[in-house]
C-alpha atoms as a PDB file:
ATOM      1  CA  MET A   1     208.834  67.078  51.395  1.00  0.00           C
ATOM      2  CA  GLN A   2     207.295  69.018  48.611  1.00  0.00           C
ATOM      3  CA  GLY A   3     206.183  67.932  45.206  1.00  0.00           C
ATOM      4  CA  ARG A   4     206.205  70.283  42.409  1.00  0.00           C
ATOM      5  CA  GLY A   5     203.832  70.646  38.717  1.00  0.00           C
ATOM      6  CA  GLN A   6     205.166  73.280  36.886  1.00  0.00           C
ATOM      7  CA  TYR A   7     205.740  76.543  37.730  1.00  0.00           C
ATOM      8  CA  MET A   8     204.861  79.752  35.996  1.00  0.00           C
ATOM      9  CA  PRO A   9     207.505  82.462  36.759  1.00  0.00           C
ATOM     10  CA  SER A  10     205.400  84.985  38.490  1.00  0.00           C
ATOM     11  CA  VAL A  11     201.883  85.181  39.205  1.00  0.00           C
ATOM     12  CA  ASP A  12     199.822  87.507  40.854  1.00  0.00           C
ATOM     13  CA  ILE A  13     198.051  85.208  43.897  1.00  0.00           C
ATOM     14  CA  SER A  14     199.675  82.268  45.571  1.00  0.00           C
ATOM     15  CA  VAL A  15     196.268  80.613  46.200  1.00  0.00           C
ATOM     16  CA  CYS A  16     197.415  78.281  49.941  1.00  0.00           C
ATOM     17  CA  ILE A  17     195.107  75.753  50.947  1.00  0.00           C
ATOM     18  CA  LEU A  18     195.934  74.016  54.198  1.00  0.00           C
ATOM     19  CA  THR A  19     194.781  70.634  55.642  1.00  0.00           C
ATOM     20  CA  TYR A  20     195.691  68.614  58.036  1.00  0.00           C
ATOM     21  CA  ARG A  21     193.487  65.071  58.068  1.00  0.00           C
ATOM     22  CA  PRO A  22     190.965  66.654  54.801  1.00  0.00           C
ATOM     23  CA  ASP A  23     188.000  65.161  53.908  1.00  0.00           C
ATOM     24  CA  TYR A  24     189.574  65.129  50.005  1.00  0.00           C
ATOM     25  CA  GLU A  25     185.934  65.714  48.905  1.00  0.00           C
ATOM     26  CA  LYS A  26     185.651  68.967  50.117  1.00  0.00           C
ATOM     27  CA  LEU A  27     189.261  69.715  49.497  1.00  0.00           C
ATOM     28  CA  PHE A  28     188.829  68.908  45.678  1.00  0.00           C
ATOM     29  CA  ILE A  29     185.770  70.989  45.291  1.00  0.00           C
ATOM     30  CA  THR A  30     188.323  74.284  46.837  1.00  0.00           C
ATOM     31  CA  LEU A  31     190.391  73.390  44.200  1.00  0.00           C
ATOM     32  CA  THR A  32     187.803  73.726  41.750  1.00  0.00           C
ATOM     33  CA  SER A  33     186.456  76.826  43.327  1.00  0.00           C
ATOM     34  CA  ILE A  34     190.197  77.806  42.917  1.00  0.00           C
ATOM     35  CA  ILE A  35     190.725  76.847  39.459  1.00  0.00           C
ATOM     36  CA  ARG A  36     187.384  78.329  37.635  1.00  0.00           C
ATOM     37  CA  GLN A  37     189.118  81.361  38.343  1.00  0.00           C
ATOM     38  CA  GLN A  38     189.154  84.148  35.638  1.00  0.00           C
ATOM     39  CA  GLY A  39     190.970  87.243  35.525  1.00  0.00           C
ATOM     40  CA  CYS A  40     194.254  87.254  36.868  1.00  0.00           C
ATOM     41  CA  SER A  41     197.420  84.636  36.855  1.00  0.00           C
ATOM     42  CA  TYR A  42     197.446  82.131  40.494  1.00  0.00           C
ATOM     43  CA  GLU A  43     199.423  79.145  41.750  1.00  0.00           C
ATOM     44  CA  ILE A  44     198.472  77.004  43.986  1.00  0.00           C
ATOM     45  CA  ILE A  45     200.243  75.177  47.104  1.00  0.00           C
ATOM     46  CA  ILE A  46     198.951  72.637  49.070  1.00  0.00           C
ATOM     47  CA  ALA A  47     200.751  72.360  52.883  1.00  0.00           C
ATOM     48  CA  ASP A  48     199.982  69.535  55.155  1.00  0.00           C
ATOM     49  CA  ASP A  49     200.345  69.794  58.661  1.00  0.00           C
ATOM     50  CA  GLY A  50     201.580  66.070  59.575  1.00  0.00           C
ATOM     51  CA  THR A  51     198.391  63.965  58.029  1.00  0.00           C
ATOM     52  CA  PRO A  52     198.679  60.356  58.447  1.00  0.00           C
ATOM     53  CA  ASP A  53     198.490  58.482  54.951  1.00  0.00           C
ATOM     54  CA  PHE A  54     198.398  61.775  53.488  1.00  0.00           C
ATOM     55  CA  ARG A  55     196.632  60.770  49.708  1.00  0.00           C
ATOM     56  CA  GLN A  56     199.255  63.111  47.623  1.00  0.00           C
ATOM     57  CA  ASP A  57     198.962  60.293  44.893  1.00  0.00           C
ATOM     58  CA  VAL A  58     195.295  61.308  44.813  1.00  0.00           C
ATOM     59  CA  ILE A  59     195.246  64.858  44.797  1.00  0.00           C
ATOM     60  CA  GLU A  60     198.421  64.215  41.912  1.00  0.00           C
ATOM     61  CA  VAL A  61     195.560  62.404  39.756  1.00  0.00           C
ATOM     62  CA  TRP A  62     193.000  65.098  40.216  1.00  0.00           C
ATOM     63  CA  MET A  63     195.654  67.465  39.381  1.00  0.00           C
ATOM     64  CA  SER A  64     196.180  65.736  36.466  1.00  0.00           C
ATOM     65  CA  GLU A  65     193.108  64.945  35.504  1.00  0.00           C
ATOM     66  CA  HIS A  66     191.519  69.109  35.193  1.00  0.00           C
ATOM     67  CA  GLY A  67     195.056  70.296  33.487  1.00  0.00           C
ATOM     68  CA  VAL A  68     196.482  71.715  36.695  1.00  0.00           C
ATOM     69  CA  SER A  69     200.064  71.820  36.710  1.00  0.00           C
ATOM     70  CA  ASP A  70     200.884  75.448  38.316  1.00  0.00           C
ATOM     71  CA  TYR A  71     200.901  74.016  42.002  1.00  0.00           C
ATOM     72  CA  CYS A  72     203.025  71.917  44.646  1.00  0.00           C
ATOM     73  CA  ILE A  73     202.423  70.264  47.539  1.00  0.00           C
ATOM     74  CA  VAL A  74     204.345  70.788  50.504  1.00  0.00           C
ATOM     75  CA  ARG A  75     204.131  67.914  53.733  1.00  0.00           C
ATOM     76  CA  SER A  76     205.126  68.440  57.300  1.00  0.00           C
ATOM     77  CA  MET A  77     206.037  65.415  58.441  1.00  0.00           C
ATOM     78  CA  GLU A  78     205.027  65.645  61.961  1.00  0.00           C
ATOM     79  CA  ASN A  79     201.508  68.291  63.302  1.00  0.00           C
ATOM     80  CA  ARG A  80     203.161  71.091  64.176  1.00  0.00           C
ATOM     81  CA  GLY A  81     200.529  73.944  64.251  1.00  0.00           C
ATOM     82  CA  THR A  82     198.101  75.840  61.655  1.00  0.00           C
ATOM     83  CA  VAL A  83     201.132  79.379  61.823  1.00  0.00           C
ATOM     84  CA  ARG A  84     203.745  76.837  61.537  1.00  0.00           C
ATOM     85  CA  ASN A  85     202.086  75.259  58.605  1.00  0.00           C
ATOM     86  CA  VAL A  86     200.763  78.547  57.168  1.00  0.00           C
ATOM     87  CA  TRP A  87     204.742  79.263  56.571  1.00  0.00           C
ATOM     88  CA  ASN A  88     205.553  76.906  55.417  1.00  0.00           C
ATOM     89  CA  ALA A  89     203.355  77.417  52.182  1.00  0.00           C
ATOM     90  CA  TYR A  90     204.387  80.555  52.109  1.00  0.00           C
ATOM     91  CA  VAL A  91     207.897  80.597  51.979  1.00  0.00           C
ATOM     92  CA  VAL A  92     207.547  78.025  48.566  1.00  0.00           C
ATOM     93  CA  ALA A  93     204.928  80.580  47.390  1.00  0.00           C
ATOM     94  CA  HIS A  94     205.865  82.838  44.099  1.00  0.00           C
ATOM     95  CA  GLY A  95     202.629  85.262  43.750  1.00  0.00           C
ATOM     96  CA  ARG A  96     203.329  88.864  44.849  1.00  0.00           C
ATOM     97  CA  TYR A  97     199.551  88.113  46.883  1.00  0.00           C
ATOM     98  CA  VAL A  98     198.563  85.409  49.465  1.00  0.00           C
ATOM     99  CA  LYS A  99     195.457  83.843  49.684  1.00  0.00           C
ATOM    100  CA  ALA A 100     195.144  81.139  52.602  1.00  0.00           C
ATOM    101  CA  ILE A 101     192.175  78.851  52.559  1.00  0.00           C
ATOM    102  CA  SER A 102     190.969  75.411  54.007  1.00  0.00           C
ATOM    103  CA  PRO A 103     188.957  72.332  52.526  1.00  0.00           C
ATOM    104  CA  GLY A 104     185.463  72.666  52.487  1.00  0.00           C
ATOM    105  CA  ASP A 105     185.952  76.604  51.989  1.00  0.00           C
ATOM    106  CA  PHE A 106     185.413  77.849  48.644  1.00  0.00           C
ATOM    107  CA  LEU A 107     186.159  80.834  46.269  1.00  0.00           C
ATOM    108  CA  TYR A 108     182.889  82.529  46.114  1.00  0.00           C
ATOM    109  CA  ASN A 109     182.063  83.311  42.513  1.00  0.00           C
ATOM    110  CA  ASP A 110     184.781  82.790  39.541  1.00  0.00           C
ATOM    111  CA  THR A 111     186.133  86.236  39.712  1.00  0.00           C
ATOM    112  CA  ALA A 112     186.548  86.820  43.576  1.00  0.00           C
ATOM    113  CA  LEU A 113     190.417  86.220  42.918  1.00  0.00           C
ATOM    114  CA  ALA A 114     190.033  89.049  40.432  1.00  0.00           C
ATOM    115  CA  GLY A 115     187.518  91.284  42.509  1.00  0.00           C
ATOM    116  CA  MET A 116     189.595  91.780  45.397  1.00  0.00           C
ATOM    117  CA  LEU A 117     193.144  92.104  43.360  1.00  0.00           C
ATOM    118  CA  GLN A 118     191.272  94.777  41.908  1.00  0.00           C
ATOM    119  CA  PHE A 119     190.131  96.045  44.819  1.00  0.00           C
ATOM    120  CA  MET A 120     193.467  96.513  46.747  1.00  0.00           C
ATOM    121  CA  GLU A 121     195.395  97.509  44.076  1.00  0.00           C
ATOM    122  CA  GLN A 122     192.963 100.477  42.868  1.00  0.00           C
ATOM    123  CA  GLU A 123     192.661 101.235  46.986  1.00  0.00           C
ATOM    124  CA  GLY A 124     196.628 101.221  47.363  1.00  0.00           C
ATOM    125  CA  TYR A 125     195.812  98.214  50.287  1.00  0.00           C
ATOM    126  CA  ARG A 126     198.696  95.349  51.095  1.00  0.00           C
ATOM    127  CA  ILE A 127     195.797  93.791  53.253  1.00  0.00           C
ATOM    128  CA  ALA A 128     191.935  93.434  52.605  1.00  0.00           C
ATOM    129  CA  PHE A 129     189.221  91.135  53.403  1.00  0.00           C
ATOM    130  CA  GLY A 130     186.066  90.394  52.184  1.00  0.00           C
ATOM    131  CA  ARG A 131     182.165  89.190  52.922  1.00  0.00           C
ATOM    132  CA  SER A 132     182.193  85.501  54.044  1.00  0.00           C
ATOM    133  CA  CYS A 133     179.593  83.499  53.490  1.00  0.00           C
ATOM    134  CA  TYR A 134     178.649  81.216  56.080  1.00  0.00           C
ATOM    135  CA  TYR A 135     176.953  77.592  55.143  1.00  0.00           C
ATOM    136  CA  SER A 136     176.593  74.328  56.135  1.00  0.00           C
ATOM    137  CA  ARG A 137     174.975  71.016  54.407  1.00  0.00           C
ATOM    138  CA  SER A 138     173.223  68.187  54.955  1.00  0.00           C
ATOM    139  CA  GLY A 139     172.160  65.964  52.747  1.00  0.00           C
ATOM    140  CA  ALA A 140     170.993  67.850  50.607  1.00  0.00           C
ATOM    141  CA  GLN A 141     169.933  70.383  52.257  1.00  0.00           C
ATOM    142  CA  VAL A 142     172.389  73.565  52.342  1.00  0.00           C
ATOM    143  CA  TYR A 143     171.453  75.793  54.518  1.00  0.00           C
ATOM    144  CA  ILE A 144     172.900  79.751  54.712  1.00  0.00           C
ATOM    145  CA  TYR A 145     173.585  81.677  58.015  1.00  0.00           C
ATOM    146  CA  ASN A 146     172.767  85.581  58.965  1.00  0.00           C
ATOM    147  CA  VAL A 147     176.299  86.378  60.085  1.00  0.00           C
ATOM    148  CA  MET A 148     179.498  88.651  59.736  1.00  0.00           C
ATOM    149  CA  ASN A 149     182.652  88.622  60.981  1.00  0.00           C
ATOM    150  CA  PRO A 150     183.521  91.376  61.891  1.00  0.00           C
ATOM    151  CA  TYR A 151     179.865  92.021  63.588  1.00  0.00           C
ATOM    152  CA  GLN A 152     180.565  96.184  62.579  1.00  0.00           C
ATOM    153  CA  LEU A 153     181.397  96.735  58.880  1.00  0.00           C
ATOM    154  CA  ARG A 154     180.868 100.500  59.698  1.00  0.00           C
ATOM    155  CA  PRO A 155     184.500 101.467  60.241  1.00  0.00           C
ATOM    156  CA  TYR A 156     185.779 100.382  57.317  1.00  0.00           C
ATOM    157  CA  LEU A 157     183.099 101.138  55.388  1.00  0.00           C
ATOM    158  CA  GLU A 158     183.633 104.478  56.508  1.00  0.00           C
ATOM    159  CA  ARG A 159     187.393 104.013  56.410  1.00  0.00           C
ATOM    160  CA  ASN A 160     188.125 105.570  59.588  1.00  0.00           C
ATOM    161  CA  THR A 161     191.654 103.863  60.769  1.00  0.00           C
ATOM    162  CA  VAL A 162     191.429 105.063  64.348  1.00  0.00           C
ATOM    163  CA  ALA A 163     187.864 102.959  65.153  1.00  0.00           C
ATOM    164  CA  ILE A 164     189.050 100.262  62.854  1.00  0.00           C
ATOM    165  CA  LYS A 165     192.395  99.944  65.214  1.00  0.00           C
ATOM    166  CA  GLU A 166     189.872 100.283  68.385  1.00  0.00           C
ATOM    167  CA  ALA A 167     187.528  97.153  66.905  1.00  0.00           C
ATOM    168  CA  TYR A 168     190.166  95.447  66.616  1.00  0.00           C
ATOM    169  CA  LEU A 169     192.596  95.528  69.427  1.00  0.00           C
ATOM    170  CA  VAL A 170     190.024  96.886  72.070  1.00  0.00           C
ATOM    171  CA  CYS A 171     186.682  95.199  71.012  1.00  0.00           C
ATOM    172  CA  GLN A 172     188.740  92.119  69.262  1.00  0.00           C
ATOM    173  CA  ASP A 173     185.963  91.933  66.512  1.00  0.00           C
ATOM    174  CA  TYR A 174     187.576  90.260  63.593  1.00  0.00           C
ATOM    175  CA  ALA A 175     187.505  89.689  60.583  1.00  0.00           C
ATOM    176  CA  ASN A 176     187.403  86.119  59.426  1.00  0.00           C
ATOM    177  CA  GLY A 177     190.525  84.820  59.314  1.00  0.00           C
ATOM    178  CA  ALA A 178     189.315  83.014  55.601  1.00  0.00           C
ATOM    179  CA  SER A 179     188.401  86.242  53.990  1.00  0.00           C
ATOM    180  CA  PHE A 180     192.041  87.643  53.715  1.00  0.00           C
ATOM    181  CA  MET A 181     194.498  88.426  50.991  1.00  0.00           C
ATOM    182  CA  GLY A 182     197.412  90.352  51.465  1.00  0.00           C
ATOM    183  CA  GLU A 183     201.040  91.132  49.963  1.00  0.00           C
ATOM    184  CA  ARG A 184     203.095  87.638  50.169  1.00  0.00           C
ATOM    185  CA  GLU A 185     206.469  89.009  51.799  1.00  0.00           C
ATOM    186  CA  LEU A 186     204.679  91.742  54.210  1.00  0.00           C
ATOM    187  CA  VAL A 187     202.144  88.813  55.268  1.00  0.00           C
ATOM    188  CA  THR A 188     205.164  86.298  55.328  1.00  0.00           C
ATOM    189  CA  ALA A 189     207.559  89.080  57.708  1.00  0.00           C
ATOM    190  CA  TYR A 190     204.559  89.060  59.706  1.00  0.00           C
ATOM    191  CA  ILE A 191     203.670  85.141  59.812  1.00  0.00           C
ATOM    192  CA  ASN A 192     208.030  84.433  60.447  1.00  0.00           C
ATOM    193  CA  LEU A 193     207.216  87.104  63.585  1.00  0.00           C
ATOM    194  CA  ILE A 194     204.463  85.235  65.801  1.00  0.00           C
ATOM    195  CA  CYS A 195     206.086  81.365  64.969  1.00  0.00           C
ATOM    196  CA  GLY A 196     207.331  80.343  68.371  1.00  0.00           C
ATOM    197  CA  ARG A 197     204.601  82.348  69.685  1.00  0.00           C
ATOM    198  CA  VAL A 198     201.668  81.470  68.123  1.00  0.00           C
ATOM    199  CA  VAL A 199     201.048  77.588  67.313  1.00  0.00           C
ATOM    200  CA  TYR A 200     196.841  77.848  65.904  1.00  0.00           C
ATOM    201  CA  THR A 201     195.909  81.717  64.920  1.00  0.00           C
ATOM    202  CA  GLU A 202     197.035  82.159  61.976  1.00  0.00           C
ATOM    203  CA  ASP A 203     195.233  84.983  61.792  1.00  0.00           C
ATOM    204  CA  ALA A 204     196.914  86.434  64.568  1.00  0.00           C
ATOM    205  CA  ALA A 205     199.731  87.838  61.785  1.00  0.00           C
ATOM    206  CA  TYR A 206     196.344  90.809  61.002  1.00  0.00           C
ATOM    207  CA  ILE A 207     196.113  92.093  64.871  1.00  0.00           C
ATOM    208  CA  LEU A 208     199.698  93.241  64.735  1.00  0.00           C
ATOM    209  CA  MET A 209     199.546  94.592  61.319  1.00  0.00           C
ATOM    210  CA  VAL A 210     196.749  96.980  62.864  1.00  0.00           C
ATOM    211  CA  ALA A 211     198.700  97.391  66.318  1.00  0.00           C
ATOM    212  CA  ASP A 212     201.248  98.439  63.556  1.00  0.00           C
ATOM    213  CA  ASP A 213     199.700 100.654  61.649  1.00  0.00           C
ATOM    214  CA  ILE A 214     198.998  99.619  58.663  1.00  0.00           C
ATOM    215  CA  PRO A 215     196.053  99.919  56.447  1.00  0.00           C
ATOM    216  CA  LEU A 216     193.087  97.413  56.814  1.00  0.00           C
ATOM    217  CA  GLY A 217     190.895  97.428  53.239  1.00  0.00           C
ATOM    218  CA  PHE A 218     187.239  95.819  53.355  1.00  0.00           C
ATOM    219  CA  TRP A 219     186.275  94.752  49.676  1.00  0.00           C
ATOM    220  CA  ASN A 220     182.487  95.229  50.155  1.00  0.00           C
ATOM    221  CA  GLN A 221     181.555  92.028  48.005  1.00  0.00           C
ATOM    222  CA  ASN A 222     181.150  88.414  48.833  1.00  0.00           C
ATOM    223  CA  PHE A 223     184.284  87.005  49.072  1.00  0.00           C
ATOM    224  CA  ILE A 224     184.487  83.822  50.349  1.00  0.00           C
ATOM    225  CA  TRP A 225     181.990  80.687  51.510  1.00  0.00           C
ATOM    226  CA  TYR A 226     182.844  79.984  54.740  1.00  0.00           C
ATOM    227  CA  GLU A 227     181.783  76.381  56.416  1.00  0.00           C
ATOM    228  CA  SER A 228     180.294  76.993  59.724  1.00  0.00           C
ATOM    229  CA  GLY A 229     181.081  74.379  62.414  1.00  0.00           C
ATOM    230  CA  THR A 230     183.834  72.441  61.323  1.00  0.00           C
ATOM    231  CA  GLY A 231     187.193  72.458  60.819  1.00  0.00           C
ATOM    232  CA  ILE A 232     190.016  73.520  63.400  1.00  0.00           C
ATOM    233  CA  SER A 233     189.170  76.581  63.370  1.00  0.00           C
ATOM    234  CA  GLY A 234     185.182  75.747  63.973  1.00  0.00           C
ATOM    235  CA  GLY A 235     185.248  73.798  66.748  1.00  0.00           C
ATOM    236  CA  SER A 236     184.347  74.726  70.207  1.00  0.00           C
ATOM    237  CA  SER A 237     185.399  72.336  72.739  1.00  0.00           C
ATOM    238  CA  PRO A 238     186.530  73.760  76.329  1.00  0.00           C
ATOM    239  CA  ALA A 239     190.535  72.156  74.718  1.00  0.00           C
ATOM    240  CA  TRP A 240     190.067  74.162  71.839  1.00  0.00           C
ATOM    241  CA  ILE A 241     188.326  77.577  73.016  1.00  0.00           C
ATOM    242  CA  GLU A 242     191.465  76.937  75.804  1.00  0.00           C
ATOM    243  CA  ARG A 243     194.345  77.039  72.550  1.00  0.00           C
ATOM    244  CA  VAL A 244     193.012  79.683  71.117  1.00  0.00           C
ATOM    245  CA  LYS A 245     192.574  82.118  74.227  1.00  0.00           C
ATOM    246  CA  THR A 246     196.554  80.892  74.851  1.00  0.00           C
ATOM    247  CA  ASP A 247     197.788  81.747  71.144  1.00  0.00           C
ATOM    248  CA  ASN A 248     195.177  85.529  71.856  1.00  0.00           C
ATOM    249  CA  ARG A 249     197.374  85.841  75.052  1.00  0.00           C
ATOM    250  CA  ALA A 250     201.043  84.890  73.040  1.00  0.00           C
ATOM    251  CA  THR A 251     200.259  87.927  70.833  1.00  0.00           C
ATOM    252  CA  PHE A 252     198.947  90.371  73.338  1.00  0.00           C
ATOM    253  CA  ALA A 253     202.219  89.809  74.979  1.00  0.00           C
ATOM    254  CA  LEU A 254     204.343  89.872  71.682  1.00  0.00           C
ATOM    255  CA  MET A 255     202.697  93.279  71.121  1.00  0.00           C
ATOM    256  CA  ALA A 256     203.493  94.856  74.159  1.00  0.00           C
ATOM    257  CA  GLU A 257     207.004  93.778  72.860  1.00  0.00           C
ATOM    258  CA  ARG A 258     207.478  95.419  70.426  1.00  0.00           C
ATOM    259  CA  ARG A 259     204.977  98.431  70.972  1.00  0.00           C
ATOM    260  CA  SER A 260     205.124  99.974  74.137  1.00  0.00           C
ATOM    261  CA  ASP A 261     202.987 102.568  73.180  1.00  0.00           C
ATOM    262  CA  LEU A 262     199.727 100.114  73.280  1.00  0.00           C
ATOM    263  CA  SER A 263     201.112  98.476  76.610  1.00  0.00           C
ATOM    264  CA  ASP A 264     198.566  99.794  78.759  1.00  0.00           C
ATOM    265  CA  LEU A 265     195.901  98.379  76.222  1.00  0.00           C
ATOM    266  CA  CYS A 266     198.348  95.158  75.904  1.00  0.00           C
ATOM    267  CA  TRP A 267     198.126  94.720  79.424  1.00  0.00           C
ATOM    268  CA  TRP A 268     194.561  95.458  80.407  1.00  0.00           C
ATOM    269  CA  TYR A 269     193.863  92.397  77.971  1.00  0.00           C
ATOM    270  CA  LEU A 270     196.186  90.158  78.905  1.00  0.00           C
ATOM    271  CA  GLU A 271     194.729  90.469  83.367  1.00  0.00           C
ATOM    272  CA  GLU A 272     191.502  89.465  81.260  1.00  0.00           C
ATOM    273  CA  GLN A 273     190.256  92.736  80.952  1.00  0.00           C
ATOM    274  CA  SER A 274     189.639  92.201  85.187  1.00  0.00           C
ATOM    275  CA  ARG A 275     189.655  96.268  85.250  1.00  0.00           C
ATOM    276  CA  GLU A 276     185.994  97.338  85.033  1.00  0.00           C
ATOM    277  CA  ASP A 277     186.328 101.105  85.665  1.00  0.00           C
ATOM    278  CA  SER A 278     189.099 100.333  82.692  1.00  0.00           C
ATOM    279  CA  SER A 279     188.250 103.490  79.301  1.00  0.00           C
ATOM    280  CA  TYR A 280     188.900 100.420  77.651  1.00  0.00           C
ATOM    281  CA  THR A 281     186.146  98.027  79.375  1.00  0.00           C
ATOM    282  CA  GLN A 282     183.784 100.757  78.900  1.00  0.00           C
ATOM    283  CA  ILE A 283     184.499 100.688  74.835  1.00  0.00           C
ATOM    284  CA  ARG A 284     184.329  96.745  75.183  1.00  0.00           C
ATOM    285  CA  CYS A 285     180.694  97.236  76.920  1.00  0.00           C
ATOM    286  CA  ALA A 286     178.902  99.767  74.381  1.00  0.00           C
ATOM    287  CA  TYR A 287     180.541  98.273  71.013  1.00  0.00           C
ATOM    288  CA  TYR A 288     179.475  94.234  71.869  1.00  0.00           C
ATOM    289  CA  GLU A 289     176.491  96.771  73.468  1.00  0.00           C
ATOM    290  CA  GLU A 290     175.828  98.153  69.900  1.00  0.00           C
ATOM    291  CA  VAL A 291     176.716  94.421  67.845  1.00  0.00           C
ATOM    292  CA  ALA A 292     173.582  92.715  69.958  1.00  0.00           C
ATOM    293  CA  ARG A 293     170.652  95.747  68.845  1.00  0.00           C
ATOM    294  CA  MET A 294     172.466  94.661  64.755  1.00  0.00           C
ATOM    295  CA  ILE A 295     171.668  90.985  65.700  1.00  0.00           C
ATOM    296  CA  GLN A 296     168.768  91.815  66.741  1.00  0.00           C
ATOM    297  CA  ASN A 297     167.266  93.938  63.969  1.00  0.00           C
ATOM    298  CA  GLU A 298     170.049  93.863  60.643  1.00  0.00           C
ATOM    299  CA  THR A 299     170.535  91.574  58.082  1.00  0.00           C
ATOM    300  CA  PHE A 300     174.616  90.872  57.297  1.00  0.00           C
ATOM    301  CA  LEU A 301     173.675  89.100  53.960  1.00  0.00           C
ATOM    302  CA  GLN A 302     174.373  91.291  50.836  1.00  0.00           C
ATOM    303  CA  ASP A 303     173.281  89.201  47.322  1.00  0.00           C
ATOM    304  CA  VAL A 304     174.374  85.833  48.471  1.00  0.00           C
ATOM    305  CA  ASP A 305     173.767  83.568  45.219  1.00  0.00           C
ATOM    306  CA  GLU A 306     173.205  79.911  46.474  1.00  0.00           C
ATOM    307  CA  GLY A 307     172.938  79.373  43.125  1.00  0.00           C
ATOM    308  CA  GLU A 308     177.036  79.679  43.518  1.00  0.00           C
ATOM    309  CA  LEU A 309     177.983  77.643  46.192  1.00  0.00           C
ATOM    310  CA  LYS A 310     174.886  74.608  45.023  1.00  0.00           C
ATOM    311  CA  LYS A 311     176.565  74.706  41.297  1.00  0.00           C
ATOM    312  CA  LEU A 312     180.351  73.925  43.689  1.00  0.00           C
ATOM    313  CA  LEU A 313     178.485  71.005  45.749  1.00  0.00           C
ATOM    314  CA  GLU A 314     177.043  69.717  42.624  1.00  0.00           C
ATOM    315  CA  ALA A 315     180.993  69.254  41.483  1.00  0.00           C
ATOM    316  CA  GLY A 316     181.897  67.741  44.094  1.00  0.00           C
ATOM    317  CA  HIS A 317     179.485  65.442  44.083  1.00  0.00           C
ATOM    318  CA  ALA A 318     180.706  64.727  40.619  1.00  0.00           C
ATOM    319  CA  VAL A 319     183.587  64.072  41.613  1.00  0.00           C
ATOM    320  CA  GLY A 320     182.793  61.493  44.350  1.00  0.00           C
ATOM    321  CA  ASN A 321     180.686  59.505  42.190  1.00  0.00           C
ATOM    322  CA  GLY A 322     182.975  58.886  39.700  1.00  0.00           C
ATOM    323  CA  GLY A 323     182.284  61.674  36.987  1.00  0.00           C
END
């Protein structure tokens, strides 16, 4: 089921908001962070994964009041998981690039999309991620956290493709999925690949891209505000942890089927790294020993302007009070 506004014939970026039982105040702040973007063209796609009593009418009123016509609302009649929801969004997208985001996560500032777009086109990357600024709020109080995913940025800053592949596939030090942007046709093809095998962790598409030697770029600028400890990927319940493990195992099983040269690595992972004498285990242990030292002695934050976040939150407060 779809609801459409008017579409531009071609746009730079399709920004896809993934929802399931959304907090509408957070959704509108996320939308506000998108419609303030300057320096590139974009469309908005809201893909909902079977929310009961989804308030499409309220969203359409918000879009009309803010002069937004280049949008599409795609709805699943049942909850089918994040990967299928992402697929539903990407197959109706028109942008050369796609950017997935969830309610409560915001584009860092008014030029975040244009900055990432310029970086990718100048450097020739088909997929890339930027810095995530982790935050939470309690009432009027905002907290910024000294956190980064991946923990180690050096391989990306040095553009060391061997080290990047090792960090991703052996150490599973993944970039925050919310901080990615990629070529629509490429990312859609990999989402299609994992559909039916992986249910919740759409980031598995990027793991397979790294395995296939598709260069992964890092834009060393703040790209998103990421709400810590909430949403489908922010939970730490035993049930959620088990879902992630199941999806990760499915990802590595699929990798083993497609890449015979990586089968030894995949089976090491699928055996839950039980072979302590394995070179992979030794690499992983050394890697996270260095991560532990970094956490103790370094800061992951870079030029984080809390004012950008407060500006968005204040806009959302105005919406919540009828402003």
